Amino acid sequence: MKAVKISALAVAAVGVCSILGSSNRPKVEENSPNIDKALHWLVSVQGKDGGWGQDGGATSYVRSTEHLETNGNDVANTAVATLALVHAGNTPVKGEYRSPVRSGVDFILRSVEDSPEEGLAITRISGTQIQRKLGPYIDTFLTSTLLSELDGNTGEAQSNQRVRRALEKCVRKIQKNQQQDGSWNISGGWAPILGTSMASRSLDQAARKGVRVEAVTMAKVDEYTKKAQTGSSISMTVAPASAGVPLYQNAQALEQMSRSDKDRKKNAKEIRDITAQLSDSKFVNGFGSMGGEEFFSYLNISDSLHRAGGEEWNKWNNQIKTQLVRLQNEDGTWAGHHCITGRVAVTGAAVMTLLAERDPVVK
């Protein structure tokens, strides 16, 4: 199916409503031209240093109407772009885009290795668009996610050891800096609950790879999520963390509470309550137009539902694929219409959502 360029906020909002009632849904395979074009664009704008920036890195690719919070390449955008390539079947040693993956990972590892042991930051760059929206330490959370997926898969012992050391460093930083309420809703972000989602996911994935993650850390974030869903006194702090958008909070909760068969049984009621909202266009539309926060929320939902499979997963997967295909630009990118508007992060999240069936982390 040919991608259609959509730029108006109103069109994006109307699109969600029409998709929910649509039976004409495209089947997006892993070798779909939609994905091919997106990956080709990502690779075409990778910087010579191996990194990616907010809207593509090199200034020749920057939209004239796009306000760039920072120039140059940063760790968070590089992690999202590299994750998209990895989910499409590439590693540092295999796949059509193995060289871009290798360069992206090296860019990130240099930053992690240069960072101090104390504190949560792994980069000296601040004020990026993705940091302002998902929290100032989203670079650390996304990097931990990427490295946990690549751990043991770099093709050679020395590279694997380098990735493992960097992953363990990120895990230590994340655990040491968990908030008292169990979250990582660090001040300074518009919707830091999505940062909490990435932090928690990365720890879960790292633990599955044999990295030491304290049980108390995961128990605290589980408790935080449960309290947020039951509307207890903690809700006063949760609302700002989700920017008052139910989609962001519920997507985080769904992913947190559905990681294993045991989790799905224990949290069955909460999971049913959340999935019931997926037929509500207002809920799915999030803030009201498609920003990067919506795209990352859709990724959380897709990964969550895919774990259990069944009718709910099939319905949602067709629904969200239809939506993403309709929103893709002619150059293969996706761009947010509010908050996280940069094409790199949004395109990366869209690709991973389209490829949720082959998410390497799904158990």
Protein backbone atom coordinates (compact mmCIF):
# COMPACT_ATOMS: atom_id res chain seq x y z
CA MET A 1 0.00 0.00 0.00
CA LYS A 2 1.30 3.43 -0.92
CA ALA A 3 1.94 5.67 2.06
CA VAL A 4 -0.09 8.87 2.20
CA LYS A 5 1.33 12.14 3.44
CA ILE A 6 -0.81 13.66 6.19
CA SER A 7 0.16 16.96 7.73
CA ALA A 8 -2.94 18.53 9.26
CA LEU A 9 -3.79 17.93 12.89
CA ALA A 10 -7.47 17.63 12.11
CA VAL A 11 -6.84 14.94 9.52
CA ALA A 12 -4.80 12.95 12.03
CA ALA A 13 -7.59 13.11 14.60
CA VAL A 14 -10.31 12.17 12.11
CA GLY A 15 -8.12 9.31 10.94
CA VAL A 16 -8.26 7.63 14.34
CA CYS A 17 -12.04 7.68 14.40
CA SER A 18 -12.34 6.21 10.91
CA ILE A 19 -9.75 3.55 11.62
CA LEU A 20 -11.60 2.22 14.65
CA GLY A 21 -14.58 1.40 12.48
CA SER A 22 -12.68 0.30 9.40
CA SER A 23 -12.61 -3.25 8.08
CA ASN A 24 -10.27 -2.41 5.18
CA ARG A 25 -7.01 -2.96 7.03
CA PRO A 26 -3.61 -3.43 5.40
CA LYS A 27 -1.36 -6.36 6.18
CA VAL A 28 2.09 -4.95 6.89
CA GLU A 29 4.75 -7.64 6.59
CA GLU A 30 8.29 -7.27 7.92
CA ASN A 31 9.52 -6.63 4.36
CA SER A 32 6.74 -4.15 3.63
CA PRO A 33 7.67 -1.14 1.47
CA ASN A 34 6.40 1.04 4.34
CA ILE A 35 9.11 -0.36 6.59
CA ASP A 36 11.74 -0.44 3.86
CA LYS A 37 11.24 3.26 3.12
CA ALA A 38 11.38 4.16 6.80
CA LEU A 39 14.60 2.23 7.41
CA HIS A 40 16.18 3.65 4.27
CA TRP A 41 15.39 7.18 5.44
CA LEU A 42 16.79 6.54 8.91
CA VAL A 43 20.05 5.22 7.50
CA SER A 44 20.28 8.07 4.99
CA VAL A 45 20.30 10.68 7.77
CA GLN A 46 22.68 8.97 10.16
CA GLY A 47 25.57 11.23 11.08
CA LYS A 48 29.19 10.47 10.29
CA ASP A 49 29.74 10.06 14.03
CA GLY A 50 27.18 7.23 14.06
CA GLY A 51 24.46 9.25 15.77
CA TRP A 52 21.08 10.68 14.93
CA GLY A 53 19.52 13.99 15.92
CA GLN A 54 16.00 15.26 16.42
CA ASP A 55 14.97 15.62 12.80
CA GLY A 56 17.58 13.70 10.91
CA GLY A 57 21.00 14.98 11.90
CA ALA A 58 22.44 16.80 8.90
CA THR A 59 20.96 20.26 8.41
CA SER A 60 20.06 19.54 4.78
CA TYR A 61 17.33 17.22 6.04
CA VAL A 62 15.81 19.58 8.59
CA ARG A 63 12.28 20.81 7.88
CA SER A 64 12.32 24.56 7.51
CA THR A 65 9.31 24.83 9.80
CA GLU A 66 10.73 22.59 12.54
CA HIS A 67 12.12 24.24 15.64
CA LEU A 68 15.16 22.25 16.75
CA GLU A 69 15.78 22.23 20.49
CA THR A 70 19.40 21.22 19.86
CA ASN A 71 21.64 20.80 16.85
CA GLY A 72 23.73 17.72 16.22
CA ASN A 73 23.20 14.14 17.30
CA ASP A 74 22.19 12.81 20.72
CA VAL A 75 22.01 9.50 22.54
CA ALA A 76 18.23 9.16 22.88
CA ASN A 77 17.41 9.66 19.22
CA THR A 78 20.31 7.39 18.28
CA ALA A 79 18.99 4.68 20.60
CA VAL A 80 15.48 4.84 19.08
CA ALA A 81 16.80 4.72 15.52
CA THR A 82 19.14 1.84 16.32
CA LEU A 83 16.36 -0.06 18.10
CA ALA A 84 14.21 0.25 14.97
CA LEU A 85 17.00 -1.24 12.86
CA VAL A 86 17.51 -4.03 15.39
CA HIS A 87 13.80 -4.87 15.48
CA ALA A 88 13.91 -5.08 11.69
CA GLY A 89 16.43 -7.92 11.99
CA ASN A 90 19.78 -6.17 12.02
CA THR A 91 22.61 -6.54 14.53
CA PRO A 92 26.19 -5.23 14.48
CA VAL A 93 27.20 -8.34 12.50
CA LYS A 94 24.20 -9.32 10.37
CA GLY A 95 21.51 -7.79 8.23
CA GLU A 96 21.44 -5.21 5.45
CA TYR A 97 21.95 -2.40 7.96
CA ARG A 98 24.56 -4.02 10.21
CA SER A 99 27.05 -1.21 9.57
CA PRO A 100 24.63 1.58 10.66
CA VAL A 101 23.73 -0.47 13.74
CA ARG A 102 27.39 -0.94 14.59
CA SER A 103 28.06 2.79 14.21
CA GLY A 104 24.99 3.74 16.25
CA VAL A 105 25.92 1.37 19.06
CA ASP A 106 29.48 2.68 19.10
CA PHE A 107 28.18 6.28 19.34
CA ILE A 108 26.09 5.29 22.36
CA LEU A 109 28.78 3.20 24.06
CA ARG A 110 31.27 6.05 23.88
CA SER A 111 28.81 8.26 25.71
CA VAL A 112 28.04 5.67 28.39
CA GLU A 113 31.71 4.93 28.97
CA ASP A 114 32.49 8.63 29.29
CA SER A 115 29.73 9.23 31.85
CA PRO A 116 30.37 9.28 35.62
CA GLU A 117 29.34 6.34 37.76
CA GLU A 118 27.17 8.56 39.94
CA GLY A 119 23.99 10.19 38.76
CA LEU A 120 21.50 9.09 36.14
CA ALA A 121 22.88 10.90 33.10
CA ILE A 122 24.92 9.16 30.41
CA THR A 123 25.30 12.21 28.18
CA ARG A 124 26.43 15.80 28.55
CA ILE A 125 23.88 16.98 25.99
CA SER A 126 20.78 18.52 27.54
CA GLY A 127 17.68 20.31 26.35
CA THR A 128 16.83 17.98 23.49
CA GLN A 129 13.22 17.72 22.43
CA ILE A 130 12.85 14.12 23.57
CA GLN A 131 14.37 14.97 26.97
CA ARG A 132 12.00 17.89 27.47
CA LYS A 133 9.02 15.66 26.79
CA LEU A 134 9.92 12.27 28.30
CA GLY A 135 12.28 13.44 31.02
CA PRO A 136 15.92 14.55 31.18
CA TYR A 137 17.23 10.98 31.54
CA ILE A 138 15.35 9.31 28.70
CA ASP A 139 18.75 8.77 27.02
CA THR A 140 19.72 6.39 29.84
CA PHE A 141 16.44 4.46 29.71
CA LEU A 142 16.43 4.01 25.93
CA THR A 143 20.11 3.05 25.94
CA SER A 144 19.51 0.45 28.63
CA THR A 145 16.67 -0.96 26.52
CA LEU A 146 18.84 -1.18 23.41
CA LEU A 147 21.84 -2.70 25.18
CA SER A 148 19.70 -5.30 26.93
CA GLU A 149 18.43 -6.44 23.53
CA LEU A 150 21.91 -6.53 22.00
CA ASP A 151 23.56 -8.19 24.99
CA GLY A 152 25.26 -11.35 23.74
CA ASN A 153 24.36 -10.61 20.10
CA THR A 154 27.24 -8.47 18.84
CA GLY A 155 29.14 -11.33 17.22
CA GLU A 156 32.39 -11.31 19.14
CA ALA A 157 33.49 -11.72 22.75
CA GLN A 158 35.15 -8.32 23.10
CA SER A 159 32.14 -6.43 21.73
CA ASN A 160 29.77 -8.46 23.89
CA GLN A 161 31.82 -7.62 26.97
CA ARG A 162 31.76 -3.92 26.09
CA VAL A 163 27.99 -3.96 25.67
CA ARG A 164 27.52 -5.89 28.93
CA ARG A 165 29.71 -3.46 30.91
CA ALA A 166 27.76 -0.49 29.55
CA LEU A 167 24.44 -2.21 30.23
CA GLU A 168 25.42 -2.99 33.81
CA LYS A 169 26.44 0.63 34.29
CA CYS A 170 23.07 1.86 33.02
CA VAL A 171 21.24 -0.62 35.25
CA ARG A 172 23.17 0.56 38.30
CA LYS A 173 22.35 4.16 37.50
CA ILE A 174 18.66 3.43 37.01
CA GLN A 175 18.33 1.43 40.21
CA LYS A 176 20.20 3.94 42.35
CA ASN A 177 18.01 6.78 41.15
CA GLN A 178 14.56 5.24 41.44
CA GLN A 179 12.12 7.68 43.06
CA GLN A 180 10.58 7.00 46.45
CA ASP A 181 7.20 6.26 44.85
CA GLY A 182 8.79 3.55 42.67
CA SER A 183 8.78 5.54 39.45
CA TRP A 184 11.40 7.40 37.44
CA ASN A 185 9.11 10.40 36.88
CA ILE A 186 12.00 12.81 37.14
CA SER A 187 10.99 16.46 37.01
CA GLY A 188 11.57 18.30 33.78
CA GLY A 189 9.56 16.24 31.34
CA TRP A 190 6.07 16.79 29.95
CA ALA A 191 5.10 13.10 30.15
CA PRO A 192 7.85 11.40 32.18
CA ILE A 193 5.64 8.38 32.85
CA LEU A 194 6.80 7.18 29.43
CA GLY A 195 10.34 7.46 30.74
CA THR A 196 9.33 5.31 33.71
CA SER A 197 7.97 2.79 31.24
CA MET A 198 11.29 2.63 29.37
CA ALA A 199 13.30 2.43 32.60
CA SER A 200 11.24 -0.43 33.97
CA ARG A 201 11.19 -2.31 30.67
CA SER A 202 14.94 -2.05 30.34
CA LEU A 203 15.48 -3.48 33.83
CA ASP A 204 13.14 -6.37 33.13
CA GLN A 205 14.95 -7.13 29.88
CA ALA A 206 18.37 -6.83 31.51
CA ALA A 207 17.34 -9.26 34.26
CA ARG A 208 16.26 -11.76 31.60
CA LYS A 209 19.77 -11.52 30.19
CA GLY A 210 21.32 -12.31 33.56
CA VAL A 211 22.15 -8.79 34.72
CA ARG A 212 21.60 -8.31 38.44
CA VAL A 213 18.42 -6.35 39.07
CA GLU A 214 17.17 -6.05 42.63
CA ALA A 215 13.74 -7.58 43.24
CA VAL A 216 12.82 -4.63 45.44
CA THR A 217 13.35 -2.25 42.52
CA MET A 218 10.85 -4.09 40.34
CA ALA A 219 8.43 -4.55 43.24
CA LYS A 220 8.40 -0.80 43.84
CA VAL A 221 7.56 0.06 40.24
CA ASP A 222 4.89 -2.65 40.19
CA GLU A 223 3.33 -1.09 43.28
CA TYR A 224 3.55 2.38 41.76
CA THR A 225 1.71 1.18 38.67
CA LYS A 226 -0.99 -0.63 40.61
CA LYS A 227 -1.67 2.38 42.82
CA ALA A 228 -1.90 4.66 39.82
CA GLN A 229 -4.51 2.37 38.26
CA THR A 230 -6.63 2.08 41.39
CA GLY A 231 -6.84 5.84 41.85
CA SER A 232 -5.25 5.91 45.29
CA SER A 233 -3.61 8.94 46.87
CA ILE A 234 -0.67 8.54 44.52
CA SER A 235 -2.89 9.69 41.65
CA MET A 236 -2.14 13.29 42.58
CA THR A 237 1.46 12.77 41.45
CA VAL A 238 0.67 10.48 38.54
CA ALA A 239 -1.55 12.90 36.62
CA PRO A 240 1.22 15.43 35.88
CA ALA A 241 3.59 12.58 34.98
CA SER A 242 1.20 11.48 32.24
CA ALA A 243 0.42 15.07 31.18
CA GLY A 244 -3.18 14.33 32.08
CA VAL A 245 -3.49 11.96 29.09
CA PRO A 246 -5.00 8.56 30.02
CA LEU A 247 -3.40 6.87 26.99
CA TYR A 248 0.12 7.49 28.28
CA GLN A 249 -0.56 6.22 31.80
CA ASN A 250 -2.60 3.21 30.72
CA ALA A 251 -0.14 2.15 28.03
CA GLN A 252 2.62 2.18 30.65
CA ALA A 253 0.46 0.20 33.06
CA LEU A 254 -0.55 -2.35 30.44
CA GLU A 255 3.07 -3.05 29.53
CA GLN A 256 4.14 -3.21 33.19
CA MET A 257 1.37 -5.59 34.22
CA SER A 258 1.51 -8.05 31.30
CA ARG A 259 5.11 -9.21 31.10
CA SER A 260 4.55 -12.84 32.05
CA ASP A 261 1.74 -15.36 32.32
CA LYS A 262 1.85 -14.88 36.07
CA ASP A 263 1.55 -11.09 35.69
CA ARG A 264 -1.35 -11.42 33.27
CA LYS A 265 -3.27 -13.69 35.63
CA LYS A 266 -2.60 -11.50 38.67
CA ASN A 267 -3.56 -8.29 36.85
CA ALA A 268 -6.36 -9.69 34.69
CA LYS A 269 -8.97 -7.16 35.80
CA GLU A 270 -6.74 -4.14 35.26
CA ILE A 271 -5.68 -5.47 31.87
CA ARG A 272 -9.32 -5.98 30.83
CA ASP A 273 -10.19 -2.46 31.93
CA ILE A 274 -7.40 -0.99 29.83
CA THR A 275 -7.94 -3.07 26.70
CA ALA A 276 -11.66 -2.22 26.80
CA GLN A 277 -10.68 1.40 26.14
CA LEU A 278 -8.96 0.56 22.84
CA SER A 279 -12.28 0.78 20.99
CA ASP A 280 -12.72 4.36 22.23
CA SER A 281 -11.34 6.76 19.63
CA LYS A 282 -10.94 9.55 22.19
CA PHE A 283 -8.74 7.34 24.36
CA VAL A 284 -6.64 6.09 21.44
CA ASN A 285 -6.22 9.62 20.12
CA GLY A 286 -4.34 10.54 23.31
CA PHE A 287 -3.62 14.25 23.49
CA GLY A 288 -5.85 14.90 20.50
CA SER A 289 -3.28 14.72 17.71
CA MET A 290 -0.41 12.44 16.89
CA GLY A 291 2.75 13.30 18.79
CA GLY A 292 5.72 11.12 19.64
CA GLU A 293 4.14 10.33 23.00
CA GLU A 294 1.23 8.67 21.19
CA PHE A 295 3.63 6.61 19.07
CA PHE A 296 5.57 5.35 22.10
CA SER A 297 2.29 4.55 23.85
CA TYR A 298 1.13 2.53 20.85
CA LEU A 299 4.40 0.60 21.00
CA ASN A 300 3.74 -0.23 24.66
CA ILE A 301 0.24 -1.45 23.83
CA SER A 302 1.36 -3.55 20.86
CA ASP A 303 4.15 -5.24 22.79
CA SER A 304 1.79 -5.92 25.70
CA LEU A 305 -1.04 -7.45 23.68
CA HIS A 306 1.31 -9.47 21.50
CA ARG A 307 2.57 -11.35 24.54
CA ALA A 308 -0.83 -12.96 25.14
CA GLY A 309 -2.02 -13.00 21.53
CA GLY A 310 -5.65 -13.78 20.73
CA GLU A 311 -8.52 -11.72 19.42
CA GLU A 312 -7.64 -8.52 21.29
CA TRP A 313 -4.11 -8.55 19.89
CA ASN A 314 -5.28 -9.21 16.33
CA LYS A 315 -7.88 -6.45 16.48
CA TRP A 316 -5.46 -3.89 17.91
CA ASN A 317 -2.61 -4.89 15.57
CA ASN A 318 -4.78 -4.38 12.48
CA GLN A 319 -6.14 -1.15 13.91
CA ILE A 320 -2.79 0.43 14.71
CA LYS A 321 -1.11 -0.73 11.52
CA THR A 322 -3.86 0.91 9.52
CA GLN A 323 -3.42 4.11 11.45
CA LEU A 324 0.37 4.18 11.04
CA VAL A 325 0.29 3.41 7.32
CA ARG A 326 -2.14 6.26 6.76
CA LEU A 327 0.03 8.67 8.73
CA GLN A 328 3.30 7.81 7.01
CA ASN A 329 4.84 10.58 4.91
CA GLU A 330 5.87 10.09 1.31
CA ASP A 331 9.57 10.07 2.23
CA GLY A 332 9.00 7.07 4.52
CA THR A 333 9.03 9.04 7.78
CA TRP A 334 6.52 9.76 10.49
CA ALA A 335 6.53 13.17 12.19
CA GLY A 336 4.74 14.11 15.37
CA HIS A 337 2.14 16.87 15.32
CA HIS A 338 2.75 17.98 18.90
CA CYS A 339 5.47 17.76 21.55
CA ILE A 340 7.85 15.11 20.14
CA THR A 341 7.71 16.18 16.50
CA GLY A 342 11.18 15.07 15.38
CA ARG A 343 11.12 12.51 12.61
CA VAL A 344 13.85 10.25 13.99
CA ALA A 345 12.17 9.29 17.29
CA VAL A 346 8.69 9.11 15.82
CA THR A 347 9.79 7.06 12.81
CA GLY A 348 11.72 4.67 15.05
CA ALA A 349 8.73 4.13 17.34
CA ALA A 350 6.41 3.60 14.36
CA VAL A 351 8.70 0.99 12.82
CA MET A 352 8.91 -0.95 16.08
CA THR A 353 5.13 -0.89 16.42
CA LEU A 354 4.66 -2.19 12.89
CA LEU A 355 7.14 -4.97 13.69
CA ALA A 356 5.68 -5.89 17.09
CA GLU A 357 5.21 -9.52 16.01
CA ARG A 358 8.96 -9.97 15.82
CA ASP A 359 9.95 -7.91 18.87
CA PRO A 360 13.07 -9.73 20.08
CA VAL A 361 12.10 -9.11 23.70
CA VAL A 362 8.68 -10.77 23.59
CA LYS A 363 8.68 -14.03 25.55
